[in-house]
C-alpha atoms as a PDB file:
ATOM      1  CA  UNK A   1     -11.060  -6.408   0.830  1.00  0.00           C
ATOM      2  CA  UNK A   2      -8.303  -5.402   3.245  1.00  0.00           C
ATOM      3  CA  UNK A   3      -8.021  -3.241   6.366  1.00  0.00           C
ATOM      4  CA  UNK A   4      -4.552  -1.729   6.060  1.00  0.00           C
ATOM      5  CA  UNK A   5      -3.465  -3.485   9.252  1.00  0.00           C
ATOM      6  CA  UNK A   6      -0.268  -5.114   8.030  1.00  0.00           C
ATOM      7  CA  UNK A   7       0.278  -8.635   9.360  1.00  0.00           C
ATOM      8  CA  UNK A   8       4.032  -8.508   8.832  1.00  0.00           C
ATOM      9  CA  UNK A   9       6.672  -8.206   6.167  1.00  0.00           C
ATOM     10  CA  UNK A  10       7.982 -10.695   3.640  1.00  0.00           C
ATOM     11  CA  UNK A  11      11.141 -10.807   1.582  1.00  0.00           C
ATOM     12  CA  UNK A  12      11.157 -11.259  -2.193  1.00  0.00           C
ATOM     13  CA  UNK A  13      12.951 -14.538  -2.944  1.00  0.00           C
ATOM     14  CA  UNK A  14      12.851 -14.360  -6.730  1.00  0.00           C
ATOM     15  CA  UNK A  15      11.520 -12.332  -9.648  1.00  0.00           C
ATOM     16  CA  UNK A  16      11.168 -13.989 -13.036  1.00  0.00           C
ATOM     17  CA  UNK A  17       9.421 -13.515 -16.364  1.00  0.00           C
ATOM     18  CA  UNK A  18       9.443 -11.212 -19.376  1.00  0.00           C
ATOM     19  CA  UNK A  19       5.880  -9.919 -19.717  1.00  0.00           C
ATOM     20  CA  UNK A  20       3.948 -11.281 -16.775  1.00  0.00           C
ATOM     21  CA  UNK A  21       6.333 -11.217 -13.807  1.00  0.00           C
ATOM     22  CA  UNK A  22       6.261 -13.862 -11.090  1.00  0.00           C
ATOM     23  CA  UNK A  23       7.170 -12.748  -7.585  1.00  0.00           C
ATOM     24  CA  UNK A  24       8.045 -15.382  -5.001  1.00  0.00           C
ATOM     25  CA  UNK A  25       7.775 -14.006  -1.467  1.00  0.00           C
ATOM     26  CA  UNK A  26       8.956 -15.554   1.790  1.00  0.00           C
ATOM     27  CA  UNK A  27       6.033 -15.513   4.262  1.00  0.00           C
ATOM     28  CA  UNK A  28       8.082 -16.712   7.263  1.00  0.00           C
ATOM     29  CA  UNK A  29       6.726 -13.907   9.462  1.00  0.00           C
ATOM     30  CA  UNK A  30       3.106 -14.131   8.245  1.00  0.00           C
ATOM     31  CA  UNK A  31       0.795 -17.117   8.692  1.00  0.00           C
ATOM     32  CA  UNK A  32      -0.088 -19.122   5.589  1.00  0.00           C
ATOM     33  CA  UNK A  33      -2.637 -21.317   7.406  1.00  0.00           C
ATOM     34  CA  UNK A  34      -5.678 -21.810   5.204  1.00  0.00           C
ATOM     35  CA  UNK A  35      -4.137 -19.889   2.313  1.00  0.00           C
ATOM     36  CA  UNK A  36      -5.154 -21.344  -1.062  1.00  0.00           C
ATOM     37  CA  UNK A  37      -4.365 -20.646  -4.690  1.00  0.00           C
ATOM     38  CA  UNK A  38      -6.688 -17.962  -5.996  1.00  0.00           C
ATOM     39  CA  UNK A  39      -6.725 -16.110  -2.659  1.00  0.00           C
ATOM     40  CA  UNK A  40      -6.026 -12.383  -2.539  1.00  0.00           C
ATOM     41  CA  UNK A  41      -3.115 -10.890  -0.631  1.00  0.00           C
ATOM     42  CA  UNK A  42      -2.092  -7.248  -0.279  1.00  0.00           C
ATOM     43  CA  UNK A  43       1.585  -6.900  -1.220  1.00  0.00           C
ATOM     44  CA  UNK A  44       2.750  -3.353  -0.431  1.00  0.00           C
ATOM     45  CA  UNK A  45      -0.889  -2.378  -0.875  1.00  0.00           C
ATOM     46  CA  UNK A  46      -1.327  -4.075  -4.257  1.00  0.00           C
ATOM     47  CA  UNK A  47      -3.986  -6.788  -4.431  1.00  0.00           C
ATOM     48  CA  UNK A  48      -2.328  -9.873  -5.921  1.00  0.00           C
ATOM     49  CA  UNK A  49      -3.634 -13.406  -6.454  1.00  0.00           C
ATOM     50  CA  UNK A  50      -1.855 -16.429  -5.044  1.00  0.00           C
ATOM     51  CA  UNK A  51      -0.754 -18.694  -7.928  1.00  0.00           C
ATOM     52  CA  UNK A  52       1.487 -21.190  -6.135  1.00  0.00           C
ATOM     53  CA  UNK A  53       2.079 -22.248  -2.530  1.00  0.00           C
ATOM     54  CA  UNK A  54       5.325 -23.797  -1.298  1.00  0.00           C
ATOM     55  CA  UNK A  55       5.385 -22.726   2.371  1.00  0.00           C
ATOM     56  CA  UNK A  56       6.875 -20.483   3.468  1.00  0.00           C
ATOM     57  CA  UNK A  57       7.199 -19.216  -0.113  1.00  0.00           C
ATOM     58  CA  UNK A  58       4.106 -17.887  -1.892  1.00  0.00           C
ATOM     59  CA  UNK A  59       4.061 -16.946  -5.596  1.00  0.00           C
ATOM     60  CA  UNK A  60       2.150 -14.157  -7.325  1.00  0.00           C
ATOM     61  CA  UNK A  61       1.958 -12.948 -10.937  1.00  0.00           C
ATOM     62  CA  UNK A  62       1.915  -9.259 -11.857  1.00  0.00           C
ATOM     63  CA  UNK A  63       0.871  -7.939 -15.272  1.00  0.00           C
ATOM     64  CA  UNK A  64       2.608  -4.998 -17.024  1.00  0.00           C
ATOM     65  CA  UNK A  65      -0.069  -2.473 -15.968  1.00  0.00           C
ATOM     66  CA  UNK A  66       0.456  -3.356 -12.300  1.00  0.00           C
ATOM     67  CA  UNK A  67       4.225  -3.064 -12.666  1.00  0.00           C
ATOM     68  CA  UNK A  68       3.922   0.302 -14.403  1.00  0.00           C
ATOM     69  CA  UNK A  69       1.467   1.896 -11.983  1.00  0.00           C
ATOM     70  CA  UNK A  70       2.880   0.647  -8.664  1.00  0.00           C
ATOM     71  CA  UNK A  71       6.226   0.292  -6.946  1.00  0.00           C
ATOM     72  CA  UNK A  72       6.278  -3.437  -7.743  1.00  0.00           C
ATOM     73  CA  UNK A  73       7.876  -2.554 -11.063  1.00  0.00           C
ATOM     74  CA  UNK A  74      11.034  -1.379  -9.291  1.00  0.00           C
ATOM     75  CA  UNK A  75      11.317  -4.173  -6.723  1.00  0.00           C
ATOM     76  CA  UNK A  76      14.429  -6.354  -6.552  1.00  0.00           C
ATOM     77  CA  UNK A  77      15.231  -9.716  -5.014  1.00  0.00           C
ATOM     78  CA  UNK A  78      15.843  -9.250  -1.291  1.00  0.00           C
ATOM     79  CA  UNK A  79      13.462  -6.289  -0.929  1.00  0.00           C
ATOM     80  CA  UNK A  80      10.947  -6.444   1.900  1.00  0.00           C
ATOM     81  CA  UNK A  81       7.226  -5.859   1.334  1.00  0.00           C
ATOM     82  CA  UNK A  82       4.210  -5.347   3.583  1.00  0.00           C
ATOM     83  CA  UNK A  83       1.778  -8.273   3.659  1.00  0.00           C
ATOM     84  CA  UNK A  84      -1.897  -8.517   4.589  1.00  0.00           C
ATOM     85  CA  UNK A  85      -4.228 -11.390   3.859  1.00  0.00           C
ATOM     86  CA  UNK A  86      -7.765 -10.641   2.685  1.00  0.00           C
ATOM     87  CA  UNK A  87     -10.423  -9.749   5.238  1.00  0.00           C
ATOM     88  CA  UNK A  88     -12.759 -12.578   6.216  1.00  0.00           C
ATOM     89  CA  UNK A  89     -16.321 -12.294   7.481  1.00  0.00           C
ATOM     90  CA  UNK A  90     -16.232 -11.699  11.227  1.00  0.00           C
ATOM     91  CA  UNK A  91     -12.693 -10.281  11.278  1.00  0.00           C
ATOM     92  CA  UNK A  92     -12.136  -7.122  13.293  1.00  0.00           C
ATOM     93  CA  UNK A  93     -11.872  -3.987  11.133  1.00  0.00           C
ATOM     94  CA  UNK A  94      -8.979  -2.187  12.804  1.00  0.00           C
ATOM     95  CA  UNK A  95      -7.987   0.159   9.995  1.00  0.00           C
ATOM     96  CA  UNK A  96     -10.242   1.183   7.105  1.00  0.00           C
ATOM     97  CA  UNK A  97     -11.631  -0.743   4.146  1.00  0.00           C
ATOM     98  CA  UNK A  98      -9.237  -1.053   1.228  1.00  0.00           C
ATOM     99  CA  UNK A  99      -9.513  -2.742  -2.152  1.00  0.00           C
ATOM    100  CA  UNK A 100      -5.834  -3.067  -2.979  1.00  0.00           C
ATOM    101  CA  UNK A 101      -6.344  -0.946  -6.115  1.00  0.00           C
ATOM    102  CA  UNK A 102      -3.552   1.643  -6.160  1.00  0.00           C
ATOM    103  CA  UNK A 103      -4.562   5.030  -7.567  1.00  0.00           C
ATOM    104  CA  UNK A 104      -1.015   6.301  -7.987  1.00  0.00           C
ATOM    105  CA  UNK A 105       2.401   6.718  -6.479  1.00  0.00           C
ATOM    106  CA  UNK A 106       3.876   9.372  -4.227  1.00  0.00           C
ATOM    107  CA  UNK A 107       7.465  10.248  -3.404  1.00  0.00           C
ATOM    108  CA  UNK A 108       9.079  10.917  -0.033  1.00  0.00           C
ATOM    109  CA  UNK A 109      10.362  14.503  -0.075  1.00  0.00           C
ATOM    110  CA  UNK A 110      11.165  15.001   3.615  1.00  0.00           C
ATOM    111  CA  UNK A 111      12.076  12.629   6.451  1.00  0.00           C
ATOM    112  CA  UNK A 112      12.469  13.589  10.095  1.00  0.00           C
ATOM    113  CA  UNK A 113      13.261  10.757  12.503  1.00  0.00           C
ATOM    114  CA  UNK A 114      12.895  11.125  16.265  1.00  0.00           C
ATOM    115  CA  UNK A 115      13.860   8.686  19.015  1.00  0.00           C
ATOM    116  CA  UNK A 116      10.655   6.660  18.582  1.00  0.00           C
ATOM    117  CA  UNK A 117       8.678   8.482  15.902  1.00  0.00           C
ATOM    118  CA  UNK A 118       9.047   9.275  12.229  1.00  0.00           C
ATOM    119  CA  UNK A 119       7.579  12.116  10.173  1.00  0.00           C
ATOM    120  CA  UNK A 120       7.403  11.762   6.400  1.00  0.00           C
ATOM    121  CA  UNK A 121       6.329  14.263   3.748  1.00  0.00           C
ATOM    122  CA  UNK A 122       4.797  12.658   0.651  1.00  0.00           C
ATOM    123  CA  UNK A 123       4.664  14.515  -2.664  1.00  0.00           C
ATOM    124  CA  UNK A 124       2.020  13.272  -5.070  1.00  0.00           C
ATOM    125  CA  UNK A 125       0.169  14.257  -8.260  1.00  0.00           C
ATOM    126  CA  UNK A 126      -2.778  16.667  -8.258  1.00  0.00           C
ATOM    127  CA  UNK A 127      -5.118  13.829  -9.275  1.00  0.00           C
ATOM    128  CA  UNK A 128      -4.403  12.257  -5.880  1.00  0.00           C
ATOM    129  CA  UNK A 129      -4.146  15.428  -3.796  1.00  0.00           C
ATOM    130  CA  UNK A 130      -7.800  16.282  -4.446  1.00  0.00           C
ATOM    131  CA  UNK A 131      -8.724  13.257  -2.315  1.00  0.00           C
ATOM    132  CA  UNK A 132      -6.320  14.119   0.522  1.00  0.00           C
ATOM    133  CA  UNK A 133      -7.574  15.926   3.619  1.00  0.00           C
ATOM    134  CA  UNK A 134      -6.101  16.433   7.065  1.00  0.00           C
ATOM    135  CA  UNK A 135      -7.155  13.718   9.546  1.00  0.00           C
ATOM    136  CA  UNK A 136      -8.532  11.644   6.672  1.00  0.00           C
ATOM    137  CA  UNK A 137      -7.549   8.041   5.986  1.00  0.00           C
ATOM    138  CA  UNK A 138      -4.976   6.971   3.442  1.00  0.00           C
ATOM    139  CA  UNK A 139      -3.115   3.758   2.685  1.00  0.00           C
ATOM    140  CA  UNK A 140       0.611   3.970   2.022  1.00  0.00           C
ATOM    141  CA  UNK A 141       2.177   0.713   0.789  1.00  0.00           C
ATOM    142  CA  UNK A 142      -0.877  -1.044   2.220  1.00  0.00           C
ATOM    143  CA  UNK A 143      -0.627   0.590   5.667  1.00  0.00           C
ATOM    144  CA  UNK A 144      -3.748   2.326   6.990  1.00  0.00           C
ATOM    145  CA  UNK A 145      -2.620   5.771   8.187  1.00  0.00           C
ATOM    146  CA  UNK A 146      -4.084   9.101   9.243  1.00  0.00           C
ATOM    147  CA  UNK A 147      -3.091  12.138   7.188  1.00  0.00           C
ATOM    148  CA  UNK A 148      -1.305  14.976   8.983  1.00  0.00           C
ATOM    149  CA  UNK A 149      -0.803  18.482   7.643  1.00  0.00           C
ATOM    150  CA  UNK A 150      -1.714  19.007   3.995  1.00  0.00           C
ATOM    151  CA  UNK A 151       0.159  21.417   1.723  1.00  0.00           C
ATOM    152  CA  UNK A 152      -0.084  22.138  -1.981  1.00  0.00           C
ATOM    153  CA  UNK A 153       1.102  18.954  -3.657  1.00  0.00           C
ATOM    154  CA  UNK A 154       2.125  17.146  -0.476  1.00  0.00           C
ATOM    155  CA  UNK A 155       1.017  15.869   2.916  1.00  0.00           C
ATOM    156  CA  UNK A 156       2.608  14.666   6.142  1.00  0.00           C
ATOM    157  CA  UNK A 157       2.452  11.340   7.930  1.00  0.00           C
ATOM    158  CA  UNK A 158       3.273  11.040  11.633  1.00  0.00           C
ATOM    159  CA  UNK A 159       4.248   7.469  12.420  1.00  0.00           C
ATOM    160  CA  UNK A 160       4.215   5.697  15.767  1.00  0.00           C
ATOM    161  CA  UNK A 161       6.782   3.088  16.933  1.00  0.00           C
ATOM    162  CA  UNK A 162       4.508   0.075  16.317  1.00  0.00           C
ATOM    163  CA  UNK A 163       3.898   1.031  12.686  1.00  0.00           C
ATOM    164  CA  UNK A 164       7.624   1.592  12.157  1.00  0.00           C
ATOM    165  CA  UNK A 165       8.462  -1.778  13.737  1.00  0.00           C
ATOM    166  CA  UNK A 166       5.852  -3.917  11.944  1.00  0.00           C
ATOM    167  CA  UNK A 167       6.080  -2.500   8.413  1.00  0.00           C
ATOM    168  CA  UNK A 168       8.641  -1.415   5.842  1.00  0.00           C
ATOM    169  CA  UNK A 169       7.880   2.289   6.134  1.00  0.00           C
ATOM    170  CA  UNK A 170      10.652   2.979   8.643  1.00  0.00           C
ATOM    171  CA  UNK A 171      13.252   1.984   6.058  1.00  0.00           C
ATOM    172  CA  UNK A 172      11.988   4.405   3.416  1.00  0.00           C
ATOM    173  CA  UNK A 173      14.396   7.167   2.386  1.00  0.00           C
ATOM    174  CA  UNK A 174      14.217  10.493   0.574  1.00  0.00           C
ATOM    175  CA  UNK A 175      13.195   9.993  -3.045  1.00  0.00           C
ATOM    176  CA  UNK A 176      11.647   6.577  -2.479  1.00  0.00           C
ATOM    177  CA  UNK A 177       8.273   5.967  -4.120  1.00  0.00           C
ATOM    178  CA  UNK A 178       5.239   4.619  -2.268  1.00  0.00           C
ATOM    179  CA  UNK A 179       1.901   3.157  -3.357  1.00  0.00           C
ATOM    180  CA  UNK A 180      -1.176   5.225  -2.494  1.00  0.00           C
ATOM    181  CA  UNK A 181      -4.792   4.147  -2.093  1.00  0.00           C
ATOM    182  CA  UNK A 182      -7.515   6.526  -0.925  1.00  0.00           C
ATOM    183  CA  UNK A 183     -10.679   5.054   0.589  1.00  0.00           C
ATOM    184  CA  UNK A 184     -13.455   4.562  -1.945  1.00  0.00           C
ATOM    185  CA  UNK A 185     -15.979   6.720  -0.051  1.00  0.00           C
ATOM    186  CA  UNK A 186     -13.740   9.779  -0.292  1.00  0.00           C
ATOM    187  CA  UNK A 187     -13.140   9.124  -3.985  1.00  0.00           C
ATOM    188  CA  UNK A 188     -16.876   8.774  -4.638  1.00  0.00           C
ATOM    189  CA  UNK A 189     -17.794  11.980  -2.782  1.00  0.00           C
ATOM    190  CA  UNK A 190     -15.110  14.104  -4.463  1.00  0.00           C
ATOM    191  CA  UNK A 191     -15.848  12.723  -7.930  1.00  0.00           C
ATOM    192  CA  UNK A 192     -19.605  13.255  -7.495  1.00  0.00           C
ATOM    193  CA  UNK A 193     -19.146  16.855  -6.352  1.00  0.00           C
ATOM    194  CA  UNK A 194     -16.838  17.544  -9.305  1.00  0.00           C
ATOM    195  CA  UNK A 195     -19.405  16.110 -11.703  1.00  0.00           C
ATOM    196  CA  UNK A 196     -22.208  18.236 -10.224  1.00  0.00           C
ATOM    197  CA  UNK A 197     -20.135  21.416 -10.364  1.00  0.00           C
ATOM    198  CA  UNK A 198     -19.113  20.682 -13.942  1.00  0.00           C
ATOM    199  CA  UNK A 199     -22.741  20.172 -14.952  1.00  0.00           C
ATOM    200  CA  UNK A 200     -23.708  23.526 -13.410  1.00  0.00           C
ATOM    201  CA  UNK A 201     -20.923  25.483 -15.097  1.00  0.00           C
END
């Protein structure tokens, strides 16, 4: 499990493989103390398993399904990614509980930058929008955020300076894709209500 409180960013050192793709990520800005092979790490919101440790470089493997359904499939060497190590018992829960299972991708359709703030509009499929509500929680590229205004097929994010400084989201541009995860409680409630209404109709 994760919290969506990004520990820092890492840079992709290498990408190799034909079917299963190995990503090597530089963790210079994120602690690797106690990290072991088999541990889970959120990489831009995607839960990946550590397969090799050569500090500060950590390696992960991604299967075709992961590459197809997340932004990892379009990453290149030199790209930065958000990093969060798995939640441990006793850790403070500063964001909201996340599994690292991406439900789909959205696309940035509007970007308004202020002196210290940033507003982004995210367009996303209907299958995701049914889980989106104003002031609800959402994870974008592994960052726990509060949803702003919601329109048909899109929603706004209003970002504070600390989030912009500590994550990759400030470098996102129009047309860029982002990974989306909605908290499991919201998904369960909406899906249950849909099932009940369908049974009654």
